[in-house]
PDB file of N, CA and C in Angstrom:
ATOM      1  N   MET A   1     -26.038 -10.879   0.141  1.00  0.00           N
ATOM      2  CA  MET A   1     -26.980 -10.947  -0.936  1.00  0.00           C
ATOM      3  C   MET A   1     -26.572  -9.937  -2.014  1.00  0.00           C
ATOM      4  N   ILE A   2     -26.640 -10.378  -3.256  1.00  0.00           N
ATOM      5  CA  ILE A   2     -26.334  -9.497  -4.377  1.00  0.00           C
ATOM      6  C   ILE A   2     -27.640  -9.089  -5.049  1.00  0.00           C
ATOM      7  N   LYS A   3     -27.802  -7.795  -5.214  1.00  0.00           N
ATOM      8  CA  LYS A   3     -28.939  -7.251  -5.948  1.00  0.00           C
ATOM      9  C   LYS A   3     -28.393  -6.495  -7.149  1.00  0.00           C
ATOM     10  N   THR A   4     -29.239  -6.248  -8.126  1.00  0.00           N
ATOM     11  CA  THR A   4     -28.826  -5.432  -9.257  1.00  0.00           C
ATOM     12  C   THR A   4     -29.735  -4.219  -9.362  1.00  0.00           C
ATOM     13  N   LEU A   5     -29.159  -3.134  -9.821  1.00  0.00           N
ATOM     14  CA  LEU A   5     -29.898  -1.895 -10.011  1.00  0.00           C
ATOM     15  C   LEU A   5     -29.309  -1.207 -11.232  1.00  0.00           C
ATOM     16  N   ASP A   6     -30.158  -0.894 -12.195  1.00  0.00           N
ATOM     17  CA  ASP A   6     -29.683  -0.188 -13.378  1.00  0.00           C
ATOM     18  C   ASP A   6     -29.240   1.207 -12.966  1.00  0.00           C
ATOM     19  N   ILE A   7     -28.125   1.647 -13.501  1.00  0.00           N
ATOM     20  CA  ILE A   7     -27.581   2.964 -13.166  1.00  0.00           C
ATOM     21  C   ILE A   7     -28.612   4.061 -13.416  1.00  0.00           C
ATOM     22  N   ALA A   8     -29.504   3.866 -14.376  1.00  0.00           N
ATOM     23  CA  ALA A   8     -30.529   4.865 -14.691  1.00  0.00           C
ATOM     24  C   ALA A   8     -31.510   5.066 -13.536  1.00  0.00           C
ATOM     25  N   ASN A   9     -31.616   4.075 -12.654  1.00  0.00           N
ATOM     26  CA  ASN A   9     -32.541   4.143 -11.525  1.00  0.00           C
ATOM     27  C   ASN A   9     -31.842   4.450 -10.204  1.00  0.00           C
ATOM     28  N   PHE A  10     -30.610   4.936 -10.286  1.00  0.00           N
ATOM     29  CA  PHE A  10     -29.788   5.194  -9.100  1.00  0.00           C
ATOM     30  C   PHE A  10     -29.498   6.684  -8.984  1.00  0.00           C
ATOM     31  N   THR A  11     -29.522   7.167  -7.761  1.00  0.00           N
ATOM     32  CA  THR A  11     -29.144   8.551  -7.489  1.00  0.00           C
ATOM     33  C   THR A  11     -28.031   8.536  -6.448  1.00  0.00           C
ATOM     34  N   PRO A  12     -26.801   8.848  -6.861  1.00  0.00           N
ATOM     35  CA  PRO A  12     -25.704   8.841  -5.892  1.00  0.00           C
ATOM     36  C   PRO A  12     -25.836   9.985  -4.898  1.00  0.00           C
ATOM     37  N   ASN A  13     -25.465   9.704  -3.650  1.00  0.00           N
ATOM     38  CA  ASN A  13     -25.400  10.765  -2.649  1.00  0.00           C
ATOM     39  C   ASN A  13     -24.364  10.392  -1.606  1.00  0.00           C
ATOM     40  N   ALA A  14     -23.986  11.345  -0.803  1.00  0.00           N
ATOM     41  CA  ALA A  14     -22.896  11.181   0.163  1.00  0.00           C
ATOM     42  C   ALA A  14     -23.226  10.201   1.289  1.00  0.00           C
ATOM     43  N   ASP A  15     -24.495   9.875   1.466  1.00  0.00           N
ATOM     44  CA  ASP A  15     -24.877   8.949   2.533  1.00  0.00           C
ATOM     45  C   ASP A  15     -24.730   7.480   2.138  1.00  0.00           C
ATOM     46  N   LEU A  16     -24.443   7.220   0.872  1.00  0.00           N
ATOM     47  CA  LEU A  16     -24.315   5.847   0.385  1.00  0.00           C
ATOM     48  C   LEU A  16     -22.844   5.470   0.258  1.00  0.00           C
ATOM     49  N   THR A  17     -22.562   4.196   0.420  1.00  0.00           N
ATOM     50  CA  THR A  17     -21.222   3.684   0.167  1.00  0.00           C
ATOM     51  C   THR A  17     -21.205   3.184  -1.264  1.00  0.00           C
ATOM     52  N   ILE A  18     -20.428   3.871  -2.113  1.00  0.00           N
ATOM     53  CA  ILE A  18     -20.351   3.540  -3.532  1.00  0.00           C
ATOM     54  C   ILE A  18     -18.896   3.230  -3.858  1.00  0.00           C
ATOM     55  N   TRP A  19     -18.664   2.021  -4.338  1.00  0.00           N
ATOM     56  CA  TRP A  19     -17.312   1.613  -4.704  1.00  0.00           C
ATOM     57  C   TRP A  19     -17.204   1.487  -6.215  1.00  0.00           C
ATOM     58  N   ASP A  20     -16.239   2.177  -6.785  1.00  0.00           N
ATOM     59  CA  ASP A  20     -15.881   2.041  -8.191  1.00  0.00           C
ATOM     60  C   ASP A  20     -14.662   1.128  -8.192  1.00  0.00           C
ATOM     61  N   VAL A  21     -14.806  -0.068  -8.766  1.00  0.00           N
ATOM     62  CA  VAL A  21     -13.777  -1.099  -8.631  1.00  0.00           C
ATOM     63  C   VAL A  21     -12.782  -1.141  -9.795  1.00  0.00           C
ATOM     64  N   ARG A  22     -12.752  -0.077 -10.594  1.00  0.00           N
ATOM     65  CA  ARG A  22     -11.787  -0.004 -11.693  1.00  0.00           C
ATOM     66  C   ARG A  22     -10.406   0.384 -11.186  1.00  0.00           C
ATOM     67  N   VAL A  23      -9.420   0.231 -12.057  1.00  0.00           N
ATOM     68  CA  VAL A  23      -8.060   0.652 -11.710  1.00  0.00           C
ATOM     69  C   VAL A  23      -8.049   2.173 -11.534  1.00  0.00           C
ATOM     70  N   PRO A  24      -7.136   2.699 -10.722  1.00  0.00           N
ATOM     71  CA  PRO A  24      -7.116   4.137 -10.453  1.00  0.00           C
ATOM     72  C   PRO A  24      -7.075   5.022 -11.700  1.00  0.00           C
ATOM     73  N   GLU A  25      -6.338   4.619 -12.735  1.00  0.00           N
ATOM     74  CA  GLU A  25      -6.253   5.444 -13.937  1.00  0.00           C
ATOM     75  C   GLU A  25      -7.632   5.659 -14.563  1.00  0.00           C
ATOM     76  N   ASN A  26      -8.428   4.599 -14.642  1.00  0.00           N
ATOM     77  CA  ASN A  26      -9.770   4.713 -15.227  1.00  0.00           C
ATOM     78  C   ASN A  26     -10.704   5.495 -14.314  1.00  0.00           C
ATOM     79  N   TYR A  27     -10.611   5.239 -13.015  1.00  0.00           N
ATOM     80  CA  TYR A  27     -11.420   5.984 -12.046  1.00  0.00           C
ATOM     81  C   TYR A  27     -11.107   7.473 -12.136  1.00  0.00           C
ATOM     82  N   ASN A  28      -9.812   7.816 -12.172  1.00  0.00           N
ATOM     83  CA  ASN A  28      -9.402   9.219 -12.206  1.00  0.00           C
ATOM     84  C   ASN A  28      -9.832   9.921 -13.484  1.00  0.00           C
ATOM     85  N   SER A  29      -9.951   9.173 -14.583  1.00  0.00           N
ATOM     86  CA  SER A  29     -10.336   9.806 -15.844  1.00  0.00           C
ATOM     87  C   SER A  29     -11.792  10.252 -15.810  1.00  0.00           C
ATOM     88  N   GLU A  30     -12.669   9.500 -15.129  1.00  0.00           N
ATOM     89  CA  GLU A  30     -14.052   9.930 -14.922  1.00  0.00           C
ATOM     90  C   GLU A  30     -14.771   8.919 -14.032  1.00  0.00           C
ATOM     91  N   HIS A  31     -15.525   9.466 -13.074  1.00  0.00           N
ATOM     92  CA  HIS A  31     -16.314   8.612 -12.183  1.00  0.00           C
ATOM     93  C   HIS A  31     -17.541   9.384 -11.709  1.00  0.00           C
ATOM     94  N   ILE A  32     -18.513   8.635 -11.177  1.00  0.00           N
ATOM     95  CA  ILE A  32     -19.731   9.292 -10.700  1.00  0.00           C
ATOM     96  C   ILE A  32     -19.464   9.954  -9.350  1.00  0.00           C
ATOM     97  N   ALA A  33     -20.286  10.913  -9.023  1.00  0.00           N
ATOM     98  CA  ALA A  33     -20.169  11.628  -7.748  1.00  0.00           C
ATOM     99  C   ALA A  33     -20.303  10.655  -6.583  1.00  0.00           C
ATOM    100  N   HIS A  34     -19.538  10.892  -5.542  1.00  0.00           N
ATOM    101  CA  HIS A  34     -19.572  10.173  -4.272  1.00  0.00           C
ATOM    102  C   HIS A  34     -18.986   8.760  -4.327  1.00  0.00           C
ATOM    103  N   ALA A  35     -18.446   8.363  -5.481  1.00  0.00           N
ATOM    104  CA  ALA A  35     -17.844   7.036  -5.585  1.00  0.00           C
ATOM    105  C   ALA A  35     -16.418   7.064  -5.045  1.00  0.00           C
ATOM    106  N   GLN A  36     -16.078   6.018  -4.307  1.00  0.00           N
ATOM    107  CA  GLN A  36     -14.716   5.830  -3.813  1.00  0.00           C
ATOM    108  C   GLN A  36     -14.029   4.830  -4.736  1.00  0.00           C
ATOM    109  N   ASN A  37     -12.758   5.025  -4.987  1.00  0.00           N
ATOM    110  CA  ASN A  37     -12.023   4.060  -5.791  1.00  0.00           C
ATOM    111  C   ASN A  37     -11.519   2.938  -4.899  1.00  0.00           C
ATOM    112  N   VAL A  38     -12.074   1.755  -5.100  1.00  0.00           N
ATOM    113  CA  VAL A  38     -11.635   0.553  -4.402  1.00  0.00           C
ATOM    114  C   VAL A  38     -11.409  -0.504  -5.485  1.00  0.00           C
ATOM    115  N   PRO A  39     -10.214  -0.507  -6.099  1.00  0.00           N
ATOM    116  CA  PRO A  39      -9.949  -1.478  -7.161  1.00  0.00           C
ATOM    117  C   PRO A  39     -10.235  -2.900  -6.690  1.00  0.00           C
ATOM    118  N   ILE A  40     -10.744  -3.710  -7.594  1.00  0.00           N
ATOM    119  CA  ILE A  40     -11.122  -5.075  -7.229  1.00  0.00           C
ATOM    120  C   ILE A  40      -9.951  -5.807  -6.569  1.00  0.00           C
ATOM    121  N   GLU A  41      -8.728  -5.489  -6.985  1.00  0.00           N
ATOM    122  CA  GLU A  41      -7.545  -6.137  -6.408  1.00  0.00           C
ATOM    123  C   GLU A  41      -7.352  -5.768  -4.936  1.00  0.00           C
ATOM    124  N   ASN A  42      -7.955  -4.671  -4.484  1.00  0.00           N
ATOM    125  CA  ASN A  42      -7.791  -4.214  -3.103  1.00  0.00           C
ATOM    126  C   ASN A  42      -8.930  -4.638  -2.182  1.00  0.00           C
ATOM    127  N   ILE A  43      -9.898  -5.369  -2.713  1.00  0.00           N
ATOM    128  CA  ILE A  43     -11.005  -5.835  -1.869  1.00  0.00           C
ATOM    129  C   ILE A  43     -10.495  -6.952  -0.971  1.00  0.00           C
ATOM    130  N   SER A  44     -10.735  -6.791   0.316  1.00  0.00           N
ATOM    131  CA  SER A  44     -10.264  -7.761   1.303  1.00  0.00           C
ATOM    132  C   SER A  44     -11.203  -7.739   2.504  1.00  0.00           C
ATOM    133  N   PRO A  45     -11.119  -8.736   3.354  1.00  0.00           N
ATOM    134  CA  PRO A  45     -11.925  -8.702   4.576  1.00  0.00           C
ATOM    135  C   PRO A  45     -11.658  -7.443   5.399  1.00  0.00           C
ATOM    136  N   GLU A  46     -10.401  -7.009   5.435  1.00  0.00           N
ATOM    137  CA  GLU A  46     -10.051  -5.819   6.205  1.00  0.00           C
ATOM    138  C   GLU A  46     -10.714  -4.572   5.620  1.00  0.00           C
ATOM    139  N   ARG A  47     -10.682  -4.447   4.307  1.00  0.00           N
ATOM    140  CA  ARG A  47     -11.306  -3.283   3.652  1.00  0.00           C
ATOM    141  C   ARG A  47     -12.817  -3.299   3.873  1.00  0.00           C
ATOM    142  N   LEU A  48     -13.416  -4.463   3.757  1.00  0.00           N
ATOM    143  CA  LEU A  48     -14.856  -4.581   3.959  1.00  0.00           C
ATOM    144  C   LEU A  48     -15.238  -4.235   5.393  1.00  0.00           C
ATOM    145  N   ALA A  49     -14.400  -4.603   6.344  1.00  0.00           N
ATOM    146  CA  ALA A  49     -14.676  -4.321   7.754  1.00  0.00           C
ATOM    147  C   ALA A  49     -14.677  -2.825   8.060  1.00  0.00           C
ATOM    148  N   GLN A  50     -14.106  -2.010   7.176  1.00  0.00           N
ATOM    149  CA  GLN A  50     -14.058  -0.565   7.385  1.00  0.00           C
ATOM    150  C   GLN A  50     -15.375   0.118   7.021  1.00  0.00           C
ATOM    151  N   THR A  51     -16.320  -0.635   6.496  1.00  0.00           N
ATOM    152  CA  THR A  51     -17.602  -0.056   6.090  1.00  0.00           C
ATOM    153  C   THR A  51     -18.749  -0.750   6.798  1.00  0.00           C
ATOM    154  N   THR A  52     -19.886  -0.087   6.816  1.00  0.00           N
ATOM    155  CA  THR A  52     -21.099  -0.698   7.346  1.00  0.00           C
ATOM    156  C   THR A  52     -22.207  -0.504   6.326  1.00  0.00           C
ATOM    157  N   GLY A  53     -23.208  -1.328   6.423  1.00  0.00           N
ATOM    158  CA  GLY A  53     -24.368  -1.173   5.549  1.00  0.00           C
ATOM    159  C   GLY A  53     -24.140  -1.694   4.145  1.00  0.00           C
ATOM    160  N   ASP A  54     -25.081  -1.365   3.279  1.00  0.00           N
ATOM    161  CA  ASP A  54     -25.048  -1.810   1.892  1.00  0.00           C
ATOM    162  C   ASP A  54     -23.919  -1.114   1.134  1.00  0.00           C
ATOM    163  N   ILE A  55     -23.416  -1.801   0.108  1.00  0.00           N
ATOM    164  CA  ILE A  55     -22.384  -1.229  -0.746  1.00  0.00           C
ATOM    165  C   ILE A  55     -22.873  -1.279  -2.190  1.00  0.00           C
ATOM    166  N   TYR A  56     -22.835  -0.132  -2.844  1.00  0.00           N
ATOM    167  CA  TYR A  56     -23.179  -0.020  -4.256  1.00  0.00           C
ATOM    168  C   TYR A  56     -21.883  -0.135  -5.045  1.00  0.00           C
ATOM    169  N   ILE A  57     -21.875  -1.007  -6.051  1.00  0.00           N
ATOM    170  CA  ILE A  57     -20.639  -1.321  -6.748  1.00  0.00           C
ATOM    171  C   ILE A  57     -20.813  -1.121  -8.248  1.00  0.00           C
ATOM    172  N   LEU A  58     -19.850  -0.401  -8.846  1.00  0.00           N
ATOM    173  CA  LEU A  58     -19.870  -0.225 -10.283  1.00  0.00           C
ATOM    174  C   LEU A  58     -18.463  -0.243 -10.834  1.00  0.00           C
ATOM    175  N   CYS A  59     -18.398  -0.354 -12.154  1.00  0.00           N
ATOM    176  CA  CYS A  59     -17.131  -0.277 -12.867  1.00  0.00           C
ATOM    177  C   CYS A  59     -17.412   0.506 -14.148  1.00  0.00           C
ATOM    178  N   GLY A  60     -16.706   0.205 -15.207  1.00  0.00           N
ATOM    179  CA  GLY A  60     -16.941   0.911 -16.457  1.00  0.00           C
ATOM    180  C   GLY A  60     -18.257   0.510 -17.108  1.00  0.00           C
ATOM    181  N   GLY A  61     -18.501  -0.801 -17.159  1.00  0.00           N
ATOM    182  CA  GLY A  61     -19.708  -1.276 -17.813  1.00  0.00           C
ATOM    183  C   GLY A  61     -20.442  -2.376 -17.079  1.00  0.00           C
ATOM    184  N   GLY A  62     -19.769  -3.118 -16.196  1.00  0.00           N
ATOM    185  CA  GLY A  62     -20.481  -4.117 -15.424  1.00  0.00           C
ATOM    186  C   GLY A  62     -19.735  -5.396 -15.113  1.00  0.00           C
ATOM    187  N   THR A  63     -18.714  -5.745 -15.892  1.00  0.00           N
ATOM    188  CA  THR A  63     -18.044  -7.026 -15.710  1.00  0.00           C
ATOM    189  C   THR A  63     -17.268  -7.095 -14.389  1.00  0.00           C
ATOM    190  N   LYS A  64     -16.415  -6.102 -14.123  1.00  0.00           N
ATOM    191  CA  LYS A  64     -15.637  -6.105 -12.881  1.00  0.00           C
ATOM    192  C   LYS A  64     -16.541  -5.950 -11.664  1.00  0.00           C
ATOM    193  N   ALA A  65     -17.590  -5.154 -11.795  1.00  0.00           N
ATOM    194  CA  ALA A  65     -18.501  -4.946 -10.665  1.00  0.00           C
ATOM    195  C   ALA A  65     -19.188  -6.249 -10.273  1.00  0.00           C
ATOM    196  N   GLU A  66     -19.574  -7.035 -11.258  1.00  0.00           N
ATOM    197  CA  GLU A  66     -20.209  -8.324 -10.959  1.00  0.00           C
ATOM    198  C   GLU A  66     -19.239  -9.236 -10.220  1.00  0.00           C
ATOM    199  N   LYS A  67     -17.990  -9.285 -10.683  1.00  0.00           N
ATOM    200  CA  LYS A  67     -16.970 -10.101 -10.011  1.00  0.00           C
ATOM    201  C   LYS A  67     -16.715  -9.591  -8.595  1.00  0.00           C
ATOM    202  N   ALA A  68     -16.690  -8.263  -8.436  1.00  0.00           N
ATOM    203  CA  ALA A  68     -16.472  -7.682  -7.108  1.00  0.00           C
ATOM    204  C   ALA A  68     -17.614  -8.050  -6.160  1.00  0.00           C
ATOM    205  N   CYS A  69     -18.829  -8.023  -6.648  1.00  0.00           N
ATOM    206  CA  CYS A  69     -19.979  -8.410  -5.818  1.00  0.00           C
ATOM    207  C   CYS A  69     -19.851  -9.853  -5.351  1.00  0.00           C
ATOM    208  N   GLN A  70     -19.451 -10.734  -6.268  1.00  0.00           N
ATOM    209  CA  GLN A  70     -19.280 -12.143  -5.908  1.00  0.00           C
ATOM    210  C   GLN A  70     -18.166 -12.312  -4.877  1.00  0.00           C
ATOM    211  N   LEU A  71     -17.078 -11.575  -5.052  1.00  0.00           N
ATOM    212  CA  LEU A  71     -15.981 -11.629  -4.098  1.00  0.00           C
ATOM    213  C   LEU A  71     -16.433 -11.134  -2.723  1.00  0.00           C
ATOM    214  N   LEU A  72     -17.119  -9.995  -2.701  1.00  0.00           N
ATOM    215  CA  LEU A  72     -17.601  -9.446  -1.435  1.00  0.00           C
ATOM    216  C   LEU A  72     -18.563 -10.405  -0.740  1.00  0.00           C
ATOM    217  N   GLU A  73     -19.438 -11.012  -1.499  1.00  0.00           N
ATOM    218  CA  GLU A  73     -20.390 -11.955  -0.907  1.00  0.00           C
ATOM    219  C   GLU A  73     -19.675 -13.174  -0.334  1.00  0.00           C
ATOM    220  N   SER A  74     -18.574 -13.569  -0.962  1.00  0.00           N
ATOM    221  CA  SER A  74     -17.813 -14.705  -0.421  1.00  0.00           C
ATOM    222  C   SER A  74     -17.122 -14.329   0.889  1.00  0.00           C
ATOM    223  N   ILE A  75     -16.803 -13.051   1.048  1.00  0.00           N
ATOM    224  CA  ILE A  75     -16.176 -12.578   2.281  1.00  0.00           C
ATOM    225  C   ILE A  75     -17.218 -12.433   3.387  1.00  0.00           C
ATOM    226  N   ASP A  76     -18.351 -11.824   3.076  1.00  0.00           N
ATOM    227  CA  ASP A  76     -19.415 -11.621   4.070  1.00  0.00           C
ATOM    228  C   ASP A  76     -20.775 -11.757   3.393  1.00  0.00           C
ATOM    229  N   PRO A  77     -21.358 -12.959   3.461  1.00  0.00           N
ATOM    230  CA  PRO A  77     -22.649 -13.198   2.812  1.00  0.00           C
ATOM    231  C   PRO A  77     -23.837 -12.550   3.526  1.00  0.00           C
ATOM    232  N   ASN A  78     -23.602 -11.938   4.675  1.00  0.00           N
ATOM    233  CA  ASN A  78     -24.693 -11.338   5.445  1.00  0.00           C
ATOM    234  C   ASN A  78     -24.956  -9.883   5.089  1.00  0.00           C
ATOM    235  N   ARG A  79     -24.169  -9.335   4.198  1.00  0.00           N
ATOM    236  CA  ARG A  79     -24.348  -7.947   3.764  1.00  0.00           C
ATOM    237  C   ARG A  79     -25.058  -7.918   2.417  1.00  0.00           C
ATOM    238  N   THR A  80     -25.519  -6.728   2.040  1.00  0.00           N
ATOM    239  CA  THR A  80     -26.149  -6.551   0.737  1.00  0.00           C
ATOM    240  C   THR A  80     -25.223  -5.739  -0.154  1.00  0.00           C
ATOM    241  N   TYR A  81     -25.006  -6.268  -1.356  1.00  0.00           N
ATOM    242  CA  TYR A  81     -24.159  -5.631  -2.356  1.00  0.00           C
ATOM    243  C   TYR A  81     -25.035  -5.343  -3.572  1.00  0.00           C
ATOM    244  N   ILE A  82     -25.050  -4.106  -4.010  1.00  0.00           N
ATOM    245  CA  ILE A  82     -25.889  -3.708  -5.132  1.00  0.00           C
ATOM    246  C   ILE A  82     -25.000  -3.432  -6.337  1.00  0.00           C
ATOM    247  N   HIS A  83     -25.146  -4.266  -7.343  1.00  0.00           N
ATOM    248  CA  HIS A  83     -24.391  -4.118  -8.592  1.00  0.00           C
ATOM    249  C   HIS A  83     -25.113  -3.095  -9.449  1.00  0.00           C
ATOM    250  N   LEU A  84     -24.449  -1.972  -9.698  1.00  0.00           N
ATOM    251  CA  LEU A  84     -25.013  -0.907 -10.523  1.00  0.00           C
ATOM    252  C   LEU A  84     -24.719  -1.226 -11.986  1.00  0.00           C
ATOM    253  N   THR A  85     -25.674  -1.869 -12.630  1.00  0.00           N
ATOM    254  CA  THR A  85     -25.471  -2.280 -14.017  1.00  0.00           C
ATOM    255  C   THR A  85     -25.459  -1.065 -14.935  1.00  0.00           C
ATOM    256  N   GLY A  86     -24.641  -1.157 -15.942  1.00  0.00           N
ATOM    257  CA  GLY A  86     -24.452  -0.028 -16.857  1.00  0.00           C
ATOM    258  C   GLY A  86     -23.211   0.759 -16.515  1.00  0.00           C
ATOM    259  N   GLY A  87     -22.879   0.810 -15.230  1.00  0.00           N
ATOM    260  CA  GLY A  87     -21.652   1.432 -14.773  1.00  0.00           C
ATOM    261  C   GLY A  87     -21.450   2.873 -15.214  1.00  0.00           C
ATOM    262  N   THR A  88     -20.197   3.265 -15.228  1.00  0.00           N
ATOM    263  CA  THR A  88     -19.834   4.636 -15.572  1.00  0.00           C
ATOM    264  C   THR A  88     -20.210   4.973 -17.017  1.00  0.00           C
ATOM    265  N   ARG A  89     -20.029   4.014 -17.928  1.00  0.00           N
ATOM    266  CA  ARG A  89     -20.416   4.271 -19.325  1.00  0.00           C
ATOM    267  C   ARG A  89     -21.914   4.538 -19.427  1.00  0.00           C
ATOM    268  N   GLY A  90     -22.712   3.799 -18.664  1.00  0.00           N
ATOM    269  CA  GLY A  90     -24.151   4.027 -18.667  1.00  0.00           C
ATOM    270  C   GLY A  90     -24.508   5.388 -18.112  1.00  0.00           C
ATOM    271  N   ALA A  91     -23.827   5.794 -17.043  1.00  0.00           N
ATOM    272  CA  ALA A  91     -24.075   7.116 -16.455  1.00  0.00           C
ATOM    273  C   ALA A  91     -23.729   8.214 -17.454  1.00  0.00           C
ATOM    274  N   LYS A  92     -22.624   8.029 -18.159  1.00  0.00           N
ATOM    275  CA  LYS A  92     -22.203   9.019 -19.160  1.00  0.00           C
ATOM    276  C   LYS A  92     -23.234   9.096 -20.291  1.00  0.00           C
ATOM    277  N   ALA A  93     -23.723   7.946 -20.733  1.00  0.00           N
ATOM    278  CA  ALA A  93     -24.725   7.913 -21.802  1.00  0.00           C
ATOM    279  C   ALA A  93     -26.023   8.598 -21.378  1.00  0.00           C
ATOM    280  N   LEU A  94     -26.305   8.583 -20.083  1.00  0.00           N
ATOM    281  CA  LEU A  94     -27.505   9.240 -19.557  1.00  0.00           C
ATOM    282  C   LEU A  94     -27.320  10.745 -19.380  1.00  0.00           C
ATOM    283  N   GLY A  95     -26.091  11.215 -19.621  1.00  0.00           N
ATOM    284  CA  GLY A  95     -25.826  12.645 -19.514  1.00  0.00           C
ATOM    285  C   GLY A  95     -25.407  13.109 -18.139  1.00  0.00           C
ATOM    286  N   TRP A  96     -25.037  12.157 -17.258  1.00  0.00           N
ATOM    287  CA  TRP A  96     -24.587  12.543 -15.930  1.00  0.00           C
ATOM    288  C   TRP A  96     -23.299  13.351 -16.034  1.00  0.00           C
ATOM    289  N   THR A  97     -23.102  14.266 -15.108  1.00  0.00           N
ATOM    290  CA  THR A  97     -21.838  14.965 -14.992  1.00  0.00           C
ATOM    291  C   THR A  97     -20.880  14.058 -14.245  1.00  0.00           C
ATOM    292  N   LEU A  98     -19.772  13.716 -14.878  1.00  0.00           N
ATOM    293  CA  LEU A  98     -18.786  12.855 -14.247  1.00  0.00           C
ATOM    294  C   LEU A  98     -17.629  13.684 -13.723  1.00  0.00           C
ATOM    295  N   ILE A  99     -16.960  13.155 -12.730  1.00  0.00           N
ATOM    296  CA  ILE A  99     -15.877  13.868 -12.055  1.00  0.00           C
ATOM    297  C   ILE A  99     -14.543  13.348 -12.589  1.00  0.00           C
ATOM    298  N   THR A 100     -13.626  14.265 -12.814  1.00  0.00           N
ATOM    299  CA  THR A 100     -12.283  13.930 -13.273  1.00  0.00           C
ATOM    300  C   THR A 100     -11.289  14.315 -12.195  1.00  0.00           C
ATOM    301  N   GLU A 101     -10.390  13.399 -11.882  1.00  0.00           N
ATOM    302  CA  GLU A 101      -9.310  13.650 -10.918  1.00  0.00           C
ATOM    303  C   GLU A 101      -8.041  13.899 -11.711  1.00  0.00           C
ATOM    304  N   ASN A 102      -7.279  14.887 -11.319  1.00  0.00           N
ATOM    305  CA  ASN A 102      -6.017  15.169 -12.033  1.00  0.00           C
ATOM    306  C   ASN A 102      -4.841  14.639 -11.291  1.00  0.00           C
TER     307      ASN A 102
END
């Protein structure tokens, strides 16, 4: 099942599985706390099997995250995927502190 949640109503924490589906260069330039980089090209049944529970998915603004949610649902329709609308750009606009990887 795919659900949507505006980034403004989300609080990231270490207990959640958060996937940022952008390419590594964009992820490394800035991402929200606790997000793992899982580029949409790397989503597979094997990768999905490495996680349990709900997965929160975001990208820069929302387009790739929506596609990733659809892909994940096609792999396992029995899980819940939460599309974080607004993505990283929305978090930045809200004044969130973003993390930069060097």
